[in-house]
C-alpha atoms as a PDB file:
ATOM      1  CA  UNK A   1      73.958 224.628 150.498  1.00  0.00           C
ATOM      2  CA  UNK A   2      74.728 224.195 154.167  1.00  0.00           C
ATOM      3  CA  UNK A   3      77.841 223.925 156.338  1.00  0.00           C
ATOM      4  CA  UNK A   4      79.545 220.541 156.237  1.00  0.00           C
ATOM      5  CA  UNK A   5      78.299 219.508 152.776  1.00  0.00           C
ATOM      6  CA  UNK A   6      80.793 218.694 150.065  1.00  0.00           C
ATOM      7  CA  UNK A   7      79.704 220.108 146.714  1.00  0.00           C
ATOM      8  CA  UNK A   8      80.775 219.557 143.122  1.00  0.00           C
ATOM      9  CA  UNK A   9      80.302 222.723 141.062  1.00  0.00           C
ATOM     10  CA  UNK A  10      80.840 223.440 137.373  1.00  0.00           C
ATOM     11  CA  UNK A  11      80.754 226.978 136.032  1.00  0.00           C
ATOM     12  CA  UNK A  12      81.552 228.219 132.548  1.00  0.00           C
ATOM     13  CA  UNK A  13      82.546 231.274 130.538  1.00  0.00           C
ATOM     14  CA  UNK A  14      79.740 233.294 128.965  1.00  0.00           C
ATOM     15  CA  UNK A  15      80.139 232.154 125.385  1.00  0.00           C
ATOM     16  CA  UNK A  16      80.883 228.459 125.957  1.00  0.00           C
ATOM     17  CA  UNK A  17      77.583 227.689 124.200  1.00  0.00           C
ATOM     18  CA  UNK A  18      77.944 230.039 121.189  1.00  0.00           C
ATOM     19  CA  UNK A  19      74.727 231.261 119.616  1.00  0.00           C
ATOM     20  CA  UNK A  20      76.180 230.587 116.163  1.00  0.00           C
ATOM     21  CA  UNK A  21      76.234 226.884 117.082  1.00  0.00           C
ATOM     22  CA  UNK A  22      72.864 226.817 118.823  1.00  0.00           C
ATOM     23  CA  UNK A  23      71.559 224.024 116.603  1.00  0.00           C
ATOM     24  CA  UNK A  24      74.344 221.792 117.956  1.00  0.00           C
ATOM     25  CA  UNK A  25      73.618 222.310 121.661  1.00  0.00           C
ATOM     26  CA  UNK A  26      70.098 223.576 122.326  1.00  0.00           C
ATOM     27  CA  UNK A  27      68.606 220.061 122.439  1.00  0.00           C
ATOM     28  CA  UNK A  28      70.999 219.168 125.293  1.00  0.00           C
ATOM     29  CA  UNK A  29      69.245 221.543 127.707  1.00  0.00           C
ATOM     30  CA  UNK A  30      65.913 219.744 127.394  1.00  0.00           C
ATOM     31  CA  UNK A  31      67.085 216.169 128.057  1.00  0.00           C
ATOM     32  CA  UNK A  32      64.726 214.895 130.765  1.00  0.00           C
ATOM     33  CA  UNK A  33      67.161 212.743 132.751  1.00  0.00           C
ATOM     34  CA  UNK A  34      69.304 215.110 134.884  1.00  0.00           C
ATOM     35  CA  UNK A  35      72.342 212.826 134.924  1.00  0.00           C
ATOM     36  CA  UNK A  36      72.268 212.281 131.155  1.00  0.00           C
ATOM     37  CA  UNK A  37      71.692 216.016 130.492  1.00  0.00           C
ATOM     38  CA  UNK A  38      74.650 216.977 132.669  1.00  0.00           C
ATOM     39  CA  UNK A  39      76.910 214.385 131.015  1.00  0.00           C
ATOM     40  CA  UNK A  40      75.943 215.608 127.546  1.00  0.00           C
ATOM     41  CA  UNK A  41      76.401 219.272 128.480  1.00  0.00           C
ATOM     42  CA  UNK A  42      79.833 218.591 129.974  1.00  0.00           C
ATOM     43  CA  UNK A  43      80.858 216.573 126.906  1.00  0.00           C
ATOM     44  CA  UNK A  44      79.893 219.594 124.798  1.00  0.00           C
ATOM     45  CA  UNK A  45      81.911 221.920 127.046  1.00  0.00           C
ATOM     46  CA  UNK A  46      84.946 219.651 126.647  1.00  0.00           C
ATOM     47  CA  UNK A  47      84.896 220.370 122.899  1.00  0.00           C
ATOM     48  CA  UNK A  48      86.149 223.844 123.815  1.00  0.00           C
ATOM     49  CA  UNK A  49      83.803 226.163 121.931  1.00  0.00           C
ATOM     50  CA  UNK A  50      83.689 229.882 122.590  1.00  0.00           C
ATOM     51  CA  UNK A  51      86.584 232.265 123.174  1.00  0.00           C
ATOM     52  CA  UNK A  52      88.267 229.878 125.633  1.00  0.00           C
ATOM     53  CA  UNK A  53      90.038 232.572 127.641  1.00  0.00           C
ATOM     54  CA  UNK A  54      90.945 229.946 130.247  1.00  0.00           C
ATOM     55  CA  UNK A  55      93.448 228.445 127.770  1.00  0.00           C
ATOM     56  CA  UNK A  56      95.687 231.413 128.454  1.00  0.00           C
ATOM     57  CA  UNK A  57      98.042 230.548 131.332  1.00  0.00           C
ATOM     58  CA  UNK A  58      97.741 233.985 132.966  1.00  0.00           C
ATOM     59  CA  UNK A  59      93.940 233.716 133.015  1.00  0.00           C
ATOM     60  CA  UNK A  60      93.998 230.110 134.267  1.00  0.00           C
ATOM     61  CA  UNK A  61      96.371 231.247 137.044  1.00  0.00           C
ATOM     62  CA  UNK A  62      93.947 234.022 138.049  1.00  0.00           C
ATOM     63  CA  UNK A  63      91.137 231.469 138.341  1.00  0.00           C
ATOM     64  CA  UNK A  64      93.236 228.918 140.222  1.00  0.00           C
ATOM     65  CA  UNK A  65      94.504 231.575 142.642  1.00  0.00           C
ATOM     66  CA  UNK A  66      90.906 232.720 143.149  1.00  0.00           C
ATOM     67  CA  UNK A  67      89.801 229.180 143.996  1.00  0.00           C
ATOM     68  CA  UNK A  68      92.609 228.796 146.518  1.00  0.00           C
ATOM     69  CA  UNK A  69      92.157 232.236 148.101  1.00  0.00           C
ATOM     70  CA  UNK A  70      89.876 231.275 151.002  1.00  0.00           C
ATOM     71  CA  UNK A  71      90.755 227.568 151.215  1.00  0.00           C
ATOM     72  CA  UNK A  72      90.796 226.632 154.883  1.00  0.00           C
ATOM     73  CA  UNK A  73      88.676 229.631 155.895  1.00  0.00           C
ATOM     74  CA  UNK A  74      85.364 229.659 153.997  1.00  0.00           C
ATOM     75  CA  UNK A  75      85.695 226.223 152.405  1.00  0.00           C
ATOM     76  CA  UNK A  76      88.032 223.293 152.005  1.00  0.00           C
ATOM     77  CA  UNK A  77      89.133 222.504 148.446  1.00  0.00           C
ATOM     78  CA  UNK A  78      89.151 218.815 147.558  1.00  0.00           C
ATOM     79  CA  UNK A  79      89.711 218.970 143.772  1.00  0.00           C
ATOM     80  CA  UNK A  80      89.534 221.362 140.816  1.00  0.00           C
ATOM     81  CA  UNK A  81      90.241 221.531 137.117  1.00  0.00           C
ATOM     82  CA  UNK A  82      90.326 224.579 134.871  1.00  0.00           C
ATOM     83  CA  UNK A  83      89.490 223.710 131.287  1.00  0.00           C
ATOM     84  CA  UNK A  84      89.420 226.023 128.231  1.00  0.00           C
ATOM     85  CA  UNK A  85      85.887 227.294 128.831  1.00  0.00           C
ATOM     86  CA  UNK A  86      84.741 225.878 132.172  1.00  0.00           C
ATOM     87  CA  UNK A  87      85.850 225.034 135.697  1.00  0.00           C
ATOM     88  CA  UNK A  88      85.113 222.060 137.959  1.00  0.00           C
ATOM     89  CA  UNK A  89      85.520 222.427 141.731  1.00  0.00           C
ATOM     90  CA  UNK A  90      84.874 220.007 144.596  1.00  0.00           C
ATOM     91  CA  UNK A  91      84.860 221.648 148.001  1.00  0.00           C
ATOM     92  CA  UNK A  92      83.486 221.299 151.493  1.00  0.00           C
ATOM     93  CA  UNK A  93      81.420 224.209 152.745  1.00  0.00           C
ATOM     94  CA  UNK A  94      82.410 225.679 156.102  1.00  0.00           C
ATOM     95  CA  UNK A  95      80.360 228.697 157.210  1.00  0.00           C
ATOM     96  CA  UNK A  96      79.787 230.668 153.996  1.00  0.00           C
ATOM     97  CA  UNK A  97      76.945 229.379 151.767  1.00  0.00           C
ATOM     98  CA  UNK A  98      77.945 227.704 148.497  1.00  0.00           C
ATOM     99  CA  UNK A  99      76.108 230.279 146.387  1.00  0.00           C
ATOM    100  CA  UNK A 100      78.147 233.099 147.967  1.00  0.00           C
ATOM    101  CA  UNK A 101      81.400 231.183 147.500  1.00  0.00           C
ATOM    102  CA  UNK A 102      80.744 230.587 143.799  1.00  0.00           C
ATOM    103  CA  UNK A 103      79.570 234.182 143.345  1.00  0.00           C
ATOM    104  CA  UNK A 104      82.763 235.412 145.024  1.00  0.00           C
ATOM    105  CA  UNK A 105      85.000 233.225 142.825  1.00  0.00           C
ATOM    106  CA  UNK A 106      83.259 234.396 139.679  1.00  0.00           C
ATOM    107  CA  UNK A 107      83.180 238.089 140.592  1.00  0.00           C
ATOM    108  CA  UNK A 108      86.815 238.250 141.702  1.00  0.00           C
ATOM    109  CA  UNK A 109      88.234 236.240 138.796  1.00  0.00           C
ATOM    110  CA  UNK A 110      86.064 237.972 136.162  1.00  0.00           C
ATOM    111  CA  UNK A 111      87.306 241.377 137.255  1.00  0.00           C
ATOM    112  CA  UNK A 112      90.961 240.323 137.129  1.00  0.00           C
ATOM    113  CA  UNK A 113      90.605 238.339 133.873  1.00  0.00           C
ATOM    114  CA  UNK A 114      88.784 241.175 132.108  1.00  0.00           C
ATOM    115  CA  UNK A 115      91.518 243.594 133.182  1.00  0.00           C
ATOM    116  CA  UNK A 116      94.243 241.284 131.807  1.00  0.00           C
ATOM    117  CA  UNK A 117      92.308 240.707 128.584  1.00  0.00           C
ATOM    118  CA  UNK A 118      91.548 244.441 128.250  1.00  0.00           C
ATOM    119  CA  UNK A 119      87.863 243.696 127.859  1.00  0.00           C
ATOM    120  CA  UNK A 120      84.575 244.543 129.559  1.00  0.00           C
ATOM    121  CA  UNK A 121      81.350 242.725 130.135  1.00  0.00           C
ATOM    122  CA  UNK A 122      80.304 239.385 131.520  1.00  0.00           C
ATOM    123  CA  UNK A 123      83.098 236.848 131.757  1.00  0.00           C
ATOM    124  CA  UNK A 124      81.204 233.969 133.414  1.00  0.00           C
ATOM    125  CA  UNK A 125      77.761 232.628 132.562  1.00  0.00           C
ATOM    126  CA  UNK A 126      75.281 233.416 135.342  1.00  0.00           C
ATOM    127  CA  UNK A 127      74.373 229.823 136.111  1.00  0.00           C
ATOM    128  CA  UNK A 128      76.349 226.882 137.451  1.00  0.00           C
ATOM    129  CA  UNK A 129      75.758 223.171 137.985  1.00  0.00           C
ATOM    130  CA  UNK A 130      76.081 221.704 141.456  1.00  0.00           C
ATOM    131  CA  UNK A 131      75.802 218.259 143.022  1.00  0.00           C
ATOM    132  CA  UNK A 132      76.308 217.446 146.685  1.00  0.00           C
ATOM    133  CA  UNK A 133      78.362 214.398 147.618  1.00  0.00           C
ATOM    134  CA  UNK A 134      76.286 211.616 149.152  1.00  0.00           C
ATOM    135  CA  UNK A 135      79.192 209.659 150.621  1.00  0.00           C
ATOM    136  CA  UNK A 136      82.951 209.030 150.457  1.00  0.00           C
ATOM    137  CA  UNK A 137      82.672 206.776 147.388  1.00  0.00           C
ATOM    138  CA  UNK A 138      80.704 209.428 145.494  1.00  0.00           C
ATOM    139  CA  UNK A 139      83.392 211.948 146.401  1.00  0.00           C
ATOM    140  CA  UNK A 140      86.239 209.626 145.254  1.00  0.00           C
ATOM    141  CA  UNK A 141      84.526 209.118 141.894  1.00  0.00           C
ATOM    142  CA  UNK A 142      83.992 212.868 141.546  1.00  0.00           C
ATOM    143  CA  UNK A 143      87.661 213.655 142.279  1.00  0.00           C
ATOM    144  CA  UNK A 144      88.632 211.091 139.623  1.00  0.00           C
ATOM    145  CA  UNK A 145      86.161 212.634 137.151  1.00  0.00           C
ATOM    146  CA  UNK A 146      87.425 216.185 137.782  1.00  0.00           C
ATOM    147  CA  UNK A 147      91.111 215.354 137.619  1.00  0.00           C
ATOM    148  CA  UNK A 148      90.729 213.104 134.558  1.00  0.00           C
ATOM    149  CA  UNK A 149      88.765 215.719 132.601  1.00  0.00           C
ATOM    150  CA  UNK A 150      91.844 216.881 130.612  1.00  0.00           C
ATOM    151  CA  UNK A 151      92.710 213.280 129.681  1.00  0.00           C
ATOM    152  CA  UNK A 152      89.116 212.566 128.670  1.00  0.00           C
ATOM    153  CA  UNK A 153      89.246 215.684 126.470  1.00  0.00           C
ATOM    154  CA  UNK A 154      92.534 214.353 124.992  1.00  0.00           C
ATOM    155  CA  UNK A 155      94.586 217.335 126.166  1.00  0.00           C
ATOM    156  CA  UNK A 156      97.142 215.286 128.139  1.00  0.00           C
ATOM    157  CA  UNK A 157      97.890 211.611 128.709  1.00  0.00           C
ATOM    158  CA  UNK A 158      98.485 211.846 132.454  1.00  0.00           C
ATOM    159  CA  UNK A 159      96.211 214.048 134.631  1.00  0.00           C
ATOM    160  CA  UNK A 160      99.264 215.233 136.613  1.00  0.00           C
ATOM    161  CA  UNK A 161     100.518 216.920 133.421  1.00  0.00           C
ATOM    162  CA  UNK A 162      97.581 219.354 133.404  1.00  0.00           C
ATOM    163  CA  UNK A 163      98.899 222.410 135.228  1.00  0.00           C
ATOM    164  CA  UNK A 164      95.506 223.837 136.124  1.00  0.00           C
ATOM    165  CA  UNK A 165      94.234 220.925 138.167  1.00  0.00           C
ATOM    166  CA  UNK A 166      94.505 219.561 141.677  1.00  0.00           C
ATOM    167  CA  UNK A 167      96.015 216.412 140.122  1.00  0.00           C
ATOM    168  CA  UNK A 168      99.225 218.380 139.519  1.00  0.00           C
ATOM    169  CA  UNK A 169      99.627 219.159 143.236  1.00  0.00           C
ATOM    170  CA  UNK A 170      98.897 215.744 144.741  1.00  0.00           C
ATOM    171  CA  UNK A 171     101.781 213.860 146.313  1.00  0.00           C
ATOM    172  CA  UNK A 172     102.624 210.195 145.671  1.00  0.00           C
ATOM    173  CA  UNK A 173     100.013 209.190 148.276  1.00  0.00           C
ATOM    174  CA  UNK A 174      97.241 211.214 146.619  1.00  0.00           C
ATOM    175  CA  UNK A 175      97.238 213.938 149.273  1.00  0.00           C
ATOM    176  CA  UNK A 176      96.513 217.476 148.047  1.00  0.00           C
ATOM    177  CA  UNK A 177      99.489 219.775 148.755  1.00  0.00           C
ATOM    178  CA  UNK A 178      98.377 223.403 148.709  1.00  0.00           C
ATOM    179  CA  UNK A 179     101.367 224.982 150.243  1.00  0.00           C
END
């Protein structure tokens, strides 16, 4: 969590692991191997349990706009994908610590989403997963993972078709166009 690091973060809506389905997911949290645990947890998230407010275009737009808000100032976005009940973001930290960036995204978007949904209470789960990028190859693989998440979840055939992803705003050379 220091300036110059590129971080991959996943955060999720509060009820993405519904208590009614606890028997299906609780064993995932105790898998000893961190990599395997994360893969299993993300596979579970891709099943789209919970209220899935992020499926609603207006809510997905709120989250995407929130992610882009301080791009170039506090951080540099490299990739993102908004799924039904979770969000993946790859970004390079500038001067603001990662924990404050994620907290800011969640606070701002929760307030706006709750207002649109005419609801109160926690929108995002308190925790998040994060992994720093070791090198350029690790980052390339992570961008591919993030942007292919909707195809892996069988929501679209081509990642560029998913509106709530950085894949939809890359040019023919793979350059992110946030303009």
